[in-house]
């Protein structure tokens, strides 16, 4: 039982140590300098920020959808 507790606590300590080192590296190398750069990286001149050029979340309407709804209303 004591061995299991030591392994779990050792693993948790190792994980926290690696997380602290990763956070220190991120601050030291400037990874948190411009957090909005990643959000802006998907936009370009063809699709500027704030303008919608496609409607990807609209419900699709096709001829199959309209024909199936009209056949349901006839029956």
N, C-alpha and C. Protein backbone atom coordinates (compact mmCIF):
# COMPACT_ATOMS: atom_id res chain seq x y z
N UNK A 1 0.83 -1.19 0.00
CA UNK A 1 0.00 0.00 0.00
C UNK A 1 0.87 1.26 0.00
N UNK A 2 1.93 1.26 0.79
CA UNK A 2 2.81 2.42 0.87
C UNK A 2 3.53 2.65 -0.47
N UNK A 3 3.87 1.58 -1.15
CA UNK A 3 4.52 1.71 -2.45
C UNK A 3 3.59 2.38 -3.46
N UNK A 4 2.33 2.00 -3.44
CA UNK A 4 1.36 2.60 -4.36
C UNK A 4 1.18 4.09 -4.09
N UNK A 5 1.12 4.46 -2.83
CA UNK A 5 0.98 5.87 -2.48
C UNK A 5 2.22 6.64 -2.93
N UNK A 6 3.39 6.05 -2.74
CA UNK A 6 4.63 6.71 -3.16
C UNK A 6 4.68 6.88 -4.67
N UNK A 7 4.23 5.88 -5.41
CA UNK A 7 4.22 5.96 -6.87
C UNK A 7 3.24 7.03 -7.33
N UNK A 8 2.06 7.07 -6.74
CA UNK A 8 1.06 8.06 -7.14
C UNK A 8 1.54 9.46 -6.80
N UNK A 9 2.05 9.66 -5.59
CA UNK A 9 2.54 10.98 -5.20
C UNK A 9 3.77 11.38 -6.03
N UNK A 10 4.63 10.43 -6.32
CA UNK A 10 5.79 10.73 -7.16
C UNK A 10 5.38 11.10 -8.58
N UNK A 11 4.40 10.39 -9.11
CA UNK A 11 3.91 10.73 -10.44
C UNK A 11 3.25 12.10 -10.48
N UNK A 12 2.48 12.40 -9.44
CA UNK A 12 1.83 13.71 -9.37
C UNK A 12 2.87 14.82 -9.25
N UNK A 13 3.91 14.59 -8.45
CA UNK A 13 4.97 15.59 -8.30
C UNK A 13 5.72 15.77 -9.62
N UNK A 14 5.98 14.68 -10.32
CA UNK A 14 6.67 14.77 -11.61
C UNK A 14 5.81 15.53 -12.62
N UNK A 15 4.52 15.25 -12.64
CA UNK A 15 3.62 15.94 -13.56
C UNK A 15 3.60 17.44 -13.27
N UNK A 16 3.49 17.80 -11.99
CA UNK A 16 3.47 19.22 -11.62
C UNK A 16 4.80 19.89 -11.98
N UNK A 17 5.90 19.17 -11.80
CA UNK A 17 7.20 19.73 -12.15
C UNK A 17 7.33 19.99 -13.64
N UNK A 18 6.88 19.05 -14.44
CA UNK A 18 6.93 19.22 -15.90
C UNK A 18 6.01 20.37 -16.32
N UNK A 19 4.84 20.47 -15.70
CA UNK A 19 3.92 21.56 -16.03
C UNK A 19 4.53 22.91 -15.66
N UNK A 20 5.20 23.00 -14.52
CA UNK A 20 5.85 24.24 -14.12
C UNK A 20 6.98 24.61 -15.08
N UNK A 21 7.75 23.62 -15.50
CA UNK A 21 8.82 23.88 -16.47
C UNK A 21 8.26 24.34 -17.81
N UNK A 22 7.16 23.74 -18.25
CA UNK A 22 6.54 24.14 -19.51
C UNK A 22 6.00 25.57 -19.42
N UNK A 23 5.41 25.92 -18.29
CA UNK A 23 4.90 27.28 -18.10
C UNK A 23 6.04 28.29 -18.08
N UNK A 24 7.13 27.94 -17.40
CA UNK A 24 8.29 28.83 -17.36
C UNK A 24 8.87 29.01 -18.76
N UNK A 25 8.96 27.92 -19.54
CA UNK A 25 9.46 28.02 -20.91
C UNK A 25 8.56 28.93 -21.75
N UNK A 26 7.24 28.79 -21.59
CA UNK A 26 6.31 29.59 -22.37
C UNK A 26 6.45 31.07 -22.06
N UNK A 27 6.60 31.41 -20.79
CA UNK A 27 6.79 32.82 -20.43
C UNK A 27 8.14 33.33 -20.93
N UNK A 28 9.17 32.53 -20.80
CA UNK A 28 10.52 32.95 -21.18
C UNK A 28 10.65 33.17 -22.69
N UNK A 29 9.97 32.38 -23.48
CA UNK A 29 10.09 32.50 -24.94
C UNK A 29 9.02 33.39 -25.56
N UNK A 30 8.15 33.99 -24.74
CA UNK A 30 7.17 34.94 -25.26
C UNK A 30 5.95 34.31 -25.89
N UNK A 31 5.60 33.11 -25.50
CA UNK A 31 4.43 32.44 -26.08
C UNK A 31 3.13 33.14 -25.72
N UNK A 32 3.12 33.89 -24.61
CA UNK A 32 1.91 34.59 -24.19
C UNK A 32 1.93 36.06 -24.60
N UNK A 33 2.82 36.44 -25.50
CA UNK A 33 2.97 37.83 -25.91
C UNK A 33 1.76 38.38 -26.65
N UNK A 34 1.22 37.64 -27.59
CA UNK A 34 0.07 38.09 -28.38
C UNK A 34 -0.90 36.93 -28.51
N UNK A 35 -1.83 36.86 -27.59
CA UNK A 35 -2.77 35.74 -27.58
C UNK A 35 -3.79 35.81 -28.71
N UNK A 36 -4.01 36.97 -29.29
CA UNK A 36 -4.99 37.12 -30.36
C UNK A 36 -4.42 36.77 -31.73
N UNK A 37 -3.12 36.59 -31.84
CA UNK A 37 -2.51 36.30 -33.14
C UNK A 37 -3.04 34.99 -33.71
N UNK A 38 -3.23 33.99 -32.87
CA UNK A 38 -3.77 32.72 -33.35
C UNK A 38 -5.19 32.85 -33.85
N UNK A 39 -5.97 33.70 -33.19
CA UNK A 39 -7.36 33.90 -33.61
C UNK A 39 -7.43 34.65 -34.94
N UNK A 40 -6.49 35.56 -35.16
CA UNK A 40 -6.48 36.33 -36.41
C UNK A 40 -5.82 35.59 -37.56
N UNK A 41 -5.11 34.51 -37.28
CA UNK A 41 -4.33 33.86 -38.33
C UNK A 41 -5.19 33.19 -39.39
N UNK A 42 -6.46 32.94 -39.12
CA UNK A 42 -7.30 32.27 -40.11
C UNK A 42 -7.94 33.24 -41.08
N UNK A 43 -7.78 34.53 -40.86
CA UNK A 43 -8.37 35.53 -41.74
C UNK A 43 -7.32 36.06 -42.71
N UNK A 44 -7.78 36.51 -43.89
CA UNK A 44 -6.90 37.13 -44.87
C UNK A 44 -7.69 38.19 -45.62
N UNK A 45 -7.14 38.68 -46.73
CA UNK A 45 -7.80 39.74 -47.49
C UNK A 45 -9.11 39.27 -48.10
N UNK A 46 -9.20 38.00 -48.46
CA UNK A 46 -10.43 37.48 -49.07
C UNK A 46 -11.55 37.35 -48.05
N UNK A 47 -11.21 37.13 -46.79
CA UNK A 47 -12.21 37.03 -45.73
C UNK A 47 -11.71 37.82 -44.53
N UNK A 48 -11.95 39.12 -44.51
CA UNK A 48 -11.46 39.94 -43.41
C UNK A 48 -12.24 39.67 -42.11
N UNK A 49 -11.65 40.10 -41.01
CA UNK A 49 -12.29 39.92 -39.71
C UNK A 49 -13.60 40.69 -39.68
N UNK A 50 -14.66 40.03 -39.25
CA UNK A 50 -15.95 40.68 -39.09
C UNK A 50 -16.89 40.54 -40.26
N UNK A 51 -16.43 40.01 -41.39
CA UNK A 51 -17.34 39.84 -42.52
C UNK A 51 -17.59 38.36 -42.75
N UNK A 52 -18.84 38.01 -42.99
CA UNK A 52 -19.21 36.63 -43.24
C UNK A 52 -19.19 36.38 -44.74
N UNK A 53 -18.37 35.42 -45.16
CA UNK A 53 -18.31 35.11 -46.58
C UNK A 53 -18.95 33.78 -46.90
N UNK A 54 -19.27 33.01 -45.89
CA UNK A 54 -19.98 31.75 -46.11
C UNK A 54 -20.97 31.56 -44.97
N UNK A 55 -21.86 30.62 -45.17
CA UNK A 55 -22.87 30.36 -44.16
C UNK A 55 -22.78 28.88 -43.78
N UNK A 56 -21.69 28.52 -43.15
CA UNK A 56 -21.40 27.13 -42.85
C UNK A 56 -22.31 26.51 -41.81
N UNK A 57 -22.98 27.31 -41.00
CA UNK A 57 -23.82 26.76 -39.94
C UNK A 57 -25.30 26.82 -40.27
N UNK A 58 -25.64 27.23 -41.46
CA UNK A 58 -27.05 27.26 -41.85
C UNK A 58 -27.52 25.85 -42.14
N UNK A 59 -28.79 25.62 -41.95
CA UNK A 59 -29.30 24.28 -42.24
C UNK A 59 -29.37 24.11 -43.75
N UNK A 60 -28.84 23.02 -44.25
CA UNK A 60 -28.82 22.82 -45.70
C UNK A 60 -30.21 22.50 -46.24
N UNK A 61 -30.52 23.09 -47.36
CA UNK A 61 -31.78 22.77 -48.03
C UNK A 61 -31.42 22.30 -49.43
N UNK A 62 -31.79 21.10 -49.72
CA UNK A 62 -31.51 20.55 -51.04
C UNK A 62 -32.81 20.11 -51.68
N UNK A 63 -32.73 19.68 -52.91
CA UNK A 63 -33.93 19.22 -53.59
C UNK A 63 -34.46 17.95 -52.93
N UNK A 64 -33.60 17.14 -52.37
CA UNK A 64 -34.05 15.93 -51.68
C UNK A 64 -34.84 16.28 -50.43
N UNK A 65 -34.43 17.32 -49.72
CA UNK A 65 -35.16 17.74 -48.53
C UNK A 65 -36.54 18.25 -48.89
N UNK A 66 -36.62 19.06 -49.93
CA UNK A 66 -37.92 19.62 -50.29
C UNK A 66 -38.85 18.56 -50.86
N UNK A 67 -38.31 17.59 -51.60
CA UNK A 67 -39.18 16.55 -52.16
C UNK A 67 -39.66 15.61 -51.07
N UNK A 68 -38.84 15.33 -50.06
CA UNK A 68 -39.29 14.44 -49.00
C UNK A 68 -40.34 15.12 -48.14
N UNK A 69 -40.22 16.43 -47.94
CA UNK A 69 -41.23 17.11 -47.14
C UNK A 69 -42.54 17.24 -47.91
N UNK A 70 -42.47 17.39 -49.23
CA UNK A 70 -43.70 17.48 -50.00
C UNK A 70 -44.38 16.12 -50.11
N UNK A 71 -43.60 15.04 -50.13
CA UNK A 71 -44.22 13.71 -50.20
C UNK A 71 -44.87 13.35 -48.87
N UNK A 72 -44.34 13.87 -47.77
CA UNK A 72 -44.96 13.61 -46.47
C UNK A 72 -46.30 14.34 -46.35
N UNK A 73 -46.38 15.52 -46.95
CA UNK A 73 -47.62 16.27 -46.83
C UNK A 73 -48.73 15.67 -47.70
N UNK A 74 -48.37 14.94 -48.75
CA UNK A 74 -49.38 14.33 -49.61
C UNK A 74 -49.97 13.07 -49.00
N UNK A 75 -49.27 12.39 -48.14
CA UNK A 75 -49.78 11.12 -47.62
C UNK A 75 -50.68 11.28 -46.43
